[in-house]
């Protein structure tokens, strides 16, 4: 259950970017989420990969060039 707040934070970040029609800054968002919702065993790369995958599913740009 400890991962639920992190998962909701990821979903909220994706939804927020989609609503604003902007790209997602994966690096900054992953850092922010890990600080707000630390979970043992979850790395920066785990969160960044999940953000990229979810952004792709939502049709968002998730690269530095956005």
PDB file of N, CA and C in Angstrom:
ATOM      1  N   UNK A   1       0.812  -1.201   0.000  1.00  0.00           N
ATOM      2  CA  UNK A   1       0.000   0.000   0.000  1.00  0.00           C
ATOM      3  C   UNK A   1       0.856   1.266   0.000  1.00  0.00           C
ATOM      4  N   UNK A   2       2.117   1.152   0.392  1.00  0.00           N
ATOM      5  CA  UNK A   2       2.987   2.326   0.459  1.00  0.00           C
ATOM      6  C   UNK A   2       3.258   2.927  -0.908  1.00  0.00           C
ATOM      7  N   UNK A   3       3.071   2.171  -1.978  1.00  0.00           N
ATOM      8  CA  UNK A   3       3.324   2.704  -3.316  1.00  0.00           C
ATOM      9  C   UNK A   3       2.128   3.456  -3.892  1.00  0.00           C
ATOM     10  N   UNK A   4       0.977   3.351  -3.259  1.00  0.00           N
ATOM     11  CA  UNK A   4      -0.216   4.004  -3.797  1.00  0.00           C
ATOM     12  C   UNK A   4      -0.059   5.526  -3.923  1.00  0.00           C
ATOM     13  N   UNK A   5       0.441   6.232  -2.914  1.00  0.00           N
ATOM     14  CA  UNK A   5       0.612   7.683  -3.091  1.00  0.00           C
ATOM     15  C   UNK A   5       1.538   8.039  -4.259  1.00  0.00           C
ATOM     16  N   UNK A   6       2.606   7.263  -4.446  1.00  0.00           N
ATOM     17  CA  UNK A   6       3.509   7.500  -5.572  1.00  0.00           C
ATOM     18  C   UNK A   6       2.789   7.258  -6.897  1.00  0.00           C
ATOM     19  N   UNK A   7       2.050   6.179  -6.988  1.00  0.00           N
ATOM     20  CA  UNK A   7       1.305   5.874  -8.213  1.00  0.00           C
ATOM     21  C   UNK A   7       0.290   6.975  -8.521  1.00  0.00           C
ATOM     22  N   UNK A   8      -0.375   7.459  -7.497  1.00  0.00           N
ATOM     23  CA  UNK A   8      -1.335   8.549  -7.704  1.00  0.00           C
ATOM     24  C   UNK A   8      -0.624   9.834  -8.114  1.00  0.00           C
ATOM     25  N   UNK A   9       0.561  10.066  -7.571  1.00  0.00           N
ATOM     26  CA  UNK A   9       1.352  11.233  -7.968  1.00  0.00           C
ATOM     27  C   UNK A   9       1.748  11.167  -9.431  1.00  0.00           C
ATOM     28  N   UNK A  10       2.119   9.976  -9.886  1.00  0.00           N
ATOM     29  CA  UNK A  10       2.456   9.784 -11.302  1.00  0.00           C
ATOM     30  C   UNK A  10       1.236  10.052 -12.170  1.00  0.00           C
ATOM     31  N   UNK A  11       0.119   9.476 -11.799  1.00  0.00           N
ATOM     32  CA  UNK A  11      -1.122   9.686 -12.568  1.00  0.00           C
ATOM     33  C   UNK A  11      -1.500  11.158 -12.599  1.00  0.00           C
ATOM     34  N   UNK A  12      -1.366  11.834 -11.470  1.00  0.00           N
ATOM     35  CA  UNK A  12      -1.707  13.252 -11.398  1.00  0.00           C
ATOM     36  C   UNK A  12      -0.784  14.093 -12.281  1.00  0.00           C
ATOM     37  N   UNK A  13       0.497  13.766 -12.300  1.00  0.00           N
ATOM     38  CA  UNK A  13       1.452  14.504 -13.136  1.00  0.00           C
ATOM     39  C   UNK A  13       1.110  14.349 -14.617  1.00  0.00           C
ATOM     40  N   UNK A  14       0.757  13.144 -15.026  1.00  0.00           N
ATOM     41  CA  UNK A  14       0.391  12.886 -16.420  1.00  0.00           C
ATOM     42  C   UNK A  14      -0.887  13.636 -16.774  1.00  0.00           C
ATOM     43  N   UNK A  15      -1.883  13.537 -15.904  1.00  0.00           N
ATOM     44  CA  UNK A  15      -3.160  14.209 -16.159  1.00  0.00           C
ATOM     45  C   UNK A  15      -2.982  15.723 -16.219  1.00  0.00           C
ATOM     46  N   UNK A  16      -2.176  16.257 -15.330  1.00  0.00           N
ATOM     47  CA  UNK A  16      -1.943  17.698 -15.305  1.00  0.00           C
ATOM     48  C   UNK A  16      -1.274  18.171 -16.600  1.00  0.00           C
ATOM     49  N   UNK A  17      -0.262  17.447 -17.055  1.00  0.00           N
ATOM     50  CA  UNK A  17       0.400  17.815 -18.310  1.00  0.00           C
ATOM     51  C   UNK A  17      -0.551  17.707 -19.490  1.00  0.00           C
ATOM     52  N   UNK A  18      -1.371  16.676 -19.493  1.00  0.00           N
ATOM     53  CA  UNK A  18      -2.332  16.493 -20.587  1.00  0.00           C
ATOM     54  C   UNK A  18      -3.356  17.623 -20.603  1.00  0.00           C
ATOM     55  N   UNK A  19      -3.832  18.003 -19.451  1.00  0.00           N
ATOM     56  CA  UNK A  19      -4.831  19.083 -19.377  1.00  0.00           C
ATOM     57  C   UNK A  19      -4.263  20.419 -19.836  1.00  0.00           C
ATOM     58  N   UNK A  20      -2.964  20.638 -19.543  1.00  0.00           N
ATOM     59  CA  UNK A  20      -2.322  21.896 -19.920  1.00  0.00           C
ATOM     60  C   UNK A  20      -1.757  21.847 -21.333  1.00  0.00           C
ATOM     61  N   UNK A  21      -1.820  20.666 -21.961  1.00  0.00           N
ATOM     62  CA  UNK A  21      -1.295  20.482 -23.321  1.00  0.00           C
ATOM     63  C   UNK A  21       0.176  20.865 -23.401  1.00  0.00           C
ATOM     64  N   UNK A  22       0.937  20.373 -22.428  1.00  0.00           N
ATOM     65  CA  UNK A  22       2.377  20.625 -22.391  1.00  0.00           C
ATOM     66  C   UNK A  22       3.113  19.298 -22.280  1.00  0.00           C
ATOM     67  N   UNK A  23       4.378  19.330 -22.611  1.00  0.00           N
ATOM     68  CA  UNK A  23       5.209  18.148 -22.440  1.00  0.00           C
ATOM     69  C   UNK A  23       5.501  17.919 -20.962  1.00  0.00           C
ATOM     70  N   UNK A  24       6.020  16.752 -20.662  1.00  0.00           N
ATOM     71  CA  UNK A  24       6.318  16.383 -19.286  1.00  0.00           C
ATOM     72  C   UNK A  24       7.824  16.408 -19.070  1.00  0.00           C
ATOM     73  N   UNK A  25       8.266  17.159 -18.087  1.00  0.00           N
ATOM     74  CA  UNK A  25       9.677  17.180 -17.711  1.00  0.00           C
ATOM     75  C   UNK A  25       9.914  15.974 -16.794  1.00  0.00           C
ATOM     76  N   UNK A  26      10.347  14.881 -17.393  1.00  0.00           N
ATOM     77  CA  UNK A  26      10.481  13.618 -16.671  1.00  0.00           C
ATOM     78  C   UNK A  26      11.460  13.744 -15.515  1.00  0.00           C
ATOM     79  N   UNK A  27      12.595  14.347 -15.737  1.00  0.00           N
ATOM     80  CA  UNK A  27      13.621  14.446 -14.702  1.00  0.00           C
ATOM     81  C   UNK A  27      13.116  15.203 -13.479  1.00  0.00           C
ATOM     82  N   UNK A  28      12.597  16.381 -13.695  1.00  0.00           N
ATOM     83  CA  UNK A  28      12.109  17.200 -12.584  1.00  0.00           C
ATOM     84  C   UNK A  28      10.925  16.531 -11.883  1.00  0.00           C
ATOM     85  N   UNK A  29      10.046  15.939 -12.659  1.00  0.00           N
ATOM     86  CA  UNK A  29       8.866  15.299 -12.079  1.00  0.00           C
ATOM     87  C   UNK A  29       9.250  14.068 -11.266  1.00  0.00           C
ATOM     88  N   UNK A  30      10.168  13.270 -11.773  1.00  0.00           N
ATOM     89  CA  UNK A  30      10.613  12.086 -11.033  1.00  0.00           C
ATOM     90  C   UNK A  30      11.268  12.500  -9.714  1.00  0.00           C
ATOM     91  N   UNK A  31      12.121  13.518  -9.763  1.00  0.00           N
ATOM     92  CA  UNK A  31      12.758  14.007  -8.534  1.00  0.00           C
ATOM     93  C   UNK A  31      11.715  14.487  -7.526  1.00  0.00           C
ATOM     94  N   UNK A  32      10.765  15.271  -8.012  1.00  0.00           N
ATOM     95  CA  UNK A  32       9.721  15.819  -7.145  1.00  0.00           C
ATOM     96  C   UNK A  32       8.886  14.700  -6.507  1.00  0.00           C
ATOM     97  N   UNK A  33       8.513  13.717  -7.315  1.00  0.00           N
ATOM     98  CA  UNK A  33       7.685  12.626  -6.801  1.00  0.00           C
ATOM     99  C   UNK A  33       8.432  11.776  -5.780  1.00  0.00           C
ATOM    100  N   UNK A  34       9.709  11.514  -6.020  1.00  0.00           N
ATOM    101  CA  UNK A  34      10.480  10.711  -5.064  1.00  0.00           C
ATOM    102  C   UNK A  34      10.703  11.443  -3.744  1.00  0.00           C
ATOM    103  N   UNK A  35      10.820  12.759  -3.808  1.00  0.00           N
ATOM    104  CA  UNK A  35      10.942  13.532  -2.565  1.00  0.00           C
ATOM    105  C   UNK A  35       9.619  13.533  -1.800  1.00  0.00           C
ATOM    106  N   UNK A  36       8.515  13.675  -2.529  1.00  0.00           N
ATOM    107  CA  UNK A  36       7.198  13.746  -1.887  1.00  0.00           C
ATOM    108  C   UNK A  36       6.702  12.384  -1.414  1.00  0.00           C
ATOM    109  N   UNK A  37       7.039  11.324  -2.152  1.00  0.00           N
ATOM    110  CA  UNK A  37       6.514   9.991  -1.861  1.00  0.00           C
ATOM    111  C   UNK A  37       7.632   8.949  -1.896  1.00  0.00           C
ATOM    112  N   UNK A  38       8.573   9.008  -0.958  1.00  0.00           N
ATOM    113  CA  UNK A  38       9.664   8.025  -0.979  1.00  0.00           C
ATOM    114  C   UNK A  38       9.133   6.618  -0.706  1.00  0.00           C
ATOM    115  N   UNK A  39       9.605   5.665  -1.489  1.00  0.00           N
ATOM    116  CA  UNK A  39       9.205   4.268  -1.336  1.00  0.00           C
ATOM    117  C   UNK A  39      10.473   3.420  -1.370  1.00  0.00           C
ATOM    118  N   UNK A  40      10.663   2.603  -0.346  1.00  0.00           N
ATOM    119  CA  UNK A  40      11.831   1.715  -0.311  1.00  0.00           C
ATOM    120  C   UNK A  40      11.853   0.831  -1.548  1.00  0.00           C
ATOM    121  N   UNK A  41      13.005   0.766  -2.200  1.00  0.00           N
ATOM    122  CA  UNK A  41      13.180  -0.105  -3.355  1.00  0.00           C
ATOM    123  C   UNK A  41      12.765   0.506  -4.685  1.00  0.00           C
ATOM    124  N   UNK A  42      12.188   1.697  -4.667  1.00  0.00           N
ATOM    125  CA  UNK A  42      11.800   2.374  -5.912  1.00  0.00           C
ATOM    126  C   UNK A  42      12.864   3.418  -6.216  1.00  0.00           C
ATOM    127  N   UNK A  43      13.475   3.300  -7.387  1.00  0.00           N
ATOM    128  CA  UNK A  43      14.563   4.192  -7.765  1.00  0.00           C
ATOM    129  C   UNK A  43      14.075   5.321  -8.667  1.00  0.00           C
ATOM    130  N   UNK A  44      14.958   6.292  -8.849  1.00  0.00           N
ATOM    131  CA  UNK A  44      14.689   7.382  -9.790  1.00  0.00           C
ATOM    132  C   UNK A  44      14.382   6.804 -11.172  1.00  0.00           C
ATOM    133  N   UNK A  45      15.191   5.835 -11.607  1.00  0.00           N
ATOM    134  CA  UNK A  45      14.980   5.237 -12.929  1.00  0.00           C
ATOM    135  C   UNK A  45      13.622   4.554 -13.038  1.00  0.00           C
ATOM    136  N   UNK A  46      13.174   3.907 -11.970  1.00  0.00           N
ATOM    137  CA  UNK A  46      11.847   3.281 -11.978  1.00  0.00           C
ATOM    138  C   UNK A  46      10.762   4.320 -12.233  1.00  0.00           C
ATOM    139  N   UNK A  47      10.851   5.422 -11.510  1.00  0.00           N
ATOM    140  CA  UNK A  47       9.832   6.471 -11.634  1.00  0.00           C
ATOM    141  C   UNK A  47       9.935   7.143 -13.003  1.00  0.00           C
ATOM    142  N   UNK A  48      11.140   7.456 -13.445  1.00  0.00           N
ATOM    143  CA  UNK A  48      11.318   8.104 -14.749  1.00  0.00           C
ATOM    144  C   UNK A  48      10.812   7.213 -15.880  1.00  0.00           C
ATOM    145  N   UNK A  49      11.127   5.922 -15.825  1.00  0.00           N
ATOM    146  CA  UNK A  49      10.643   4.993 -16.855  1.00  0.00           C
ATOM    147  C   UNK A  49       9.129   4.924 -16.865  1.00  0.00           C
ATOM    148  N   UNK A  50       8.529   4.893 -15.694  1.00  0.00           N
ATOM    149  CA  UNK A  50       7.065   4.849 -15.600  1.00  0.00           C
ATOM    150  C   UNK A  50       6.450   6.126 -16.139  1.00  0.00           C
ATOM    151  N   UNK A  51       7.039   7.257 -15.812  1.00  0.00           N
ATOM    152  CA  UNK A  51       6.539   8.532 -16.332  1.00  0.00           C
ATOM    153  C   UNK A  51       6.612   8.563 -17.859  1.00  0.00           C
ATOM    154  N   UNK A  52       7.730   8.108 -18.418  1.00  0.00           N
ATOM    155  CA  UNK A  52       7.864   8.096 -19.881  1.00  0.00           C
ATOM    156  C   UNK A  52       6.814   7.183 -20.519  1.00  0.00           C
ATOM    157  N   UNK A  53       6.626   6.023 -19.941  1.00  0.00           N
ATOM    158  CA  UNK A  53       5.653   5.075 -20.487  1.00  0.00           C
ATOM    159  C   UNK A  53       4.234   5.633 -20.403  1.00  0.00           C
ATOM    160  N   UNK A  54       3.872   6.169 -19.266  1.00  0.00           N
ATOM    161  CA  UNK A  54       2.523   6.727 -19.104  1.00  0.00           C
ATOM    162  C   UNK A  54       2.326   7.946 -20.003  1.00  0.00           C
ATOM    163  N   UNK A  55       3.357   8.767 -20.141  1.00  0.00           N
ATOM    164  CA  UNK A  55       3.254   9.924 -21.031  1.00  0.00           C
ATOM    165  C   UNK A  55       3.045   9.472 -22.471  1.00  0.00           C
ATOM    166  N   UNK A  56       3.763   8.436 -22.873  1.00  0.00           N
ATOM    167  CA  UNK A  56       3.605   7.914 -24.230  1.00  0.00           C
ATOM    168  C   UNK A  56       2.167   7.429 -24.447  1.00  0.00           C
ATOM    169  N   UNK A  57       1.618   6.699 -23.463  1.00  0.00           N
ATOM    170  CA  UNK A  57       0.241   6.213 -23.571  1.00  0.00           C
ATOM    171  C   UNK A  57      -0.759   7.367 -23.668  1.00  0.00           C
ATOM    172  N   UNK A  58      -0.430   8.486 -23.011  1.00  0.00           N
ATOM    173  CA  UNK A  58      -1.317   9.651 -23.019  1.00  0.00           C
ATOM    174  C   UNK A  58      -1.074  10.570 -24.207  1.00  0.00           C
ATOM    175  N   UNK A  59      -0.085  10.229 -25.044  1.00  0.00           N
ATOM    176  CA  UNK A  59       0.219  11.045 -26.215  1.00  0.00           C
ATOM    177  C   UNK A  59       0.983  12.308 -25.889  1.00  0.00           C
ATOM    178  N   UNK A  60       1.714  12.306 -24.785  1.00  0.00           N
ATOM    179  CA  UNK A  60       2.488  13.473 -24.371  1.00  0.00           C
ATOM    180  C   UNK A  60       3.945  13.348 -24.763  1.00  0.00           C
ATOM    181  N   UNK A  61       4.578  14.464 -24.973  1.00  0.00           N
ATOM    182  CA  UNK A  61       6.015  14.496 -25.190  1.00  0.00           C
ATOM    183  C   UNK A  61       6.686  14.418 -23.813  1.00  0.00           C
ATOM    184  N   UNK A  62       7.628  13.508 -23.679  1.00  0.00           N
ATOM    185  CA  UNK A  62       8.294  13.339 -22.392  1.00  0.00           C
ATOM    186  C   UNK A  62       9.804  13.362 -22.567  1.00  0.00           C
ATOM    187  N   UNK A  63      10.275  14.228 -23.398  1.00  0.00           N
ATOM    188  CA  UNK A  63      11.709  14.353 -23.650  1.00  0.00           C
ATOM    189  C   UNK A  63      12.147  15.764 -23.310  1.00  0.00           C
ATOM    190  N   UNK A  64      13.434  15.955 -23.208  1.00  0.00           N
ATOM    191  CA  UNK A  64      13.973  17.274 -22.853  1.00  0.00           C
ATOM    192  C   UNK A  64      13.663  18.336 -23.901  1.00  0.00           C
ATOM    193  N   UNK A  65      13.412  17.929 -25.144  1.00  0.00           N
ATOM    194  CA  UNK A  65      13.188  18.879 -26.229  1.00  0.00           C
ATOM    195  C   UNK A  65      11.740  19.369 -26.317  1.00  0.00           C
ATOM    196  N   UNK A  66      10.911  19.019 -25.398  1.00  0.00           N
ATOM    197  CA  UNK A  66       9.484  19.415 -25.460  1.00  0.00           C
ATOM    198  C   UNK A  66       9.300  20.898 -25.266  1.00  0.00           C
TER     199      UNK A  66
END
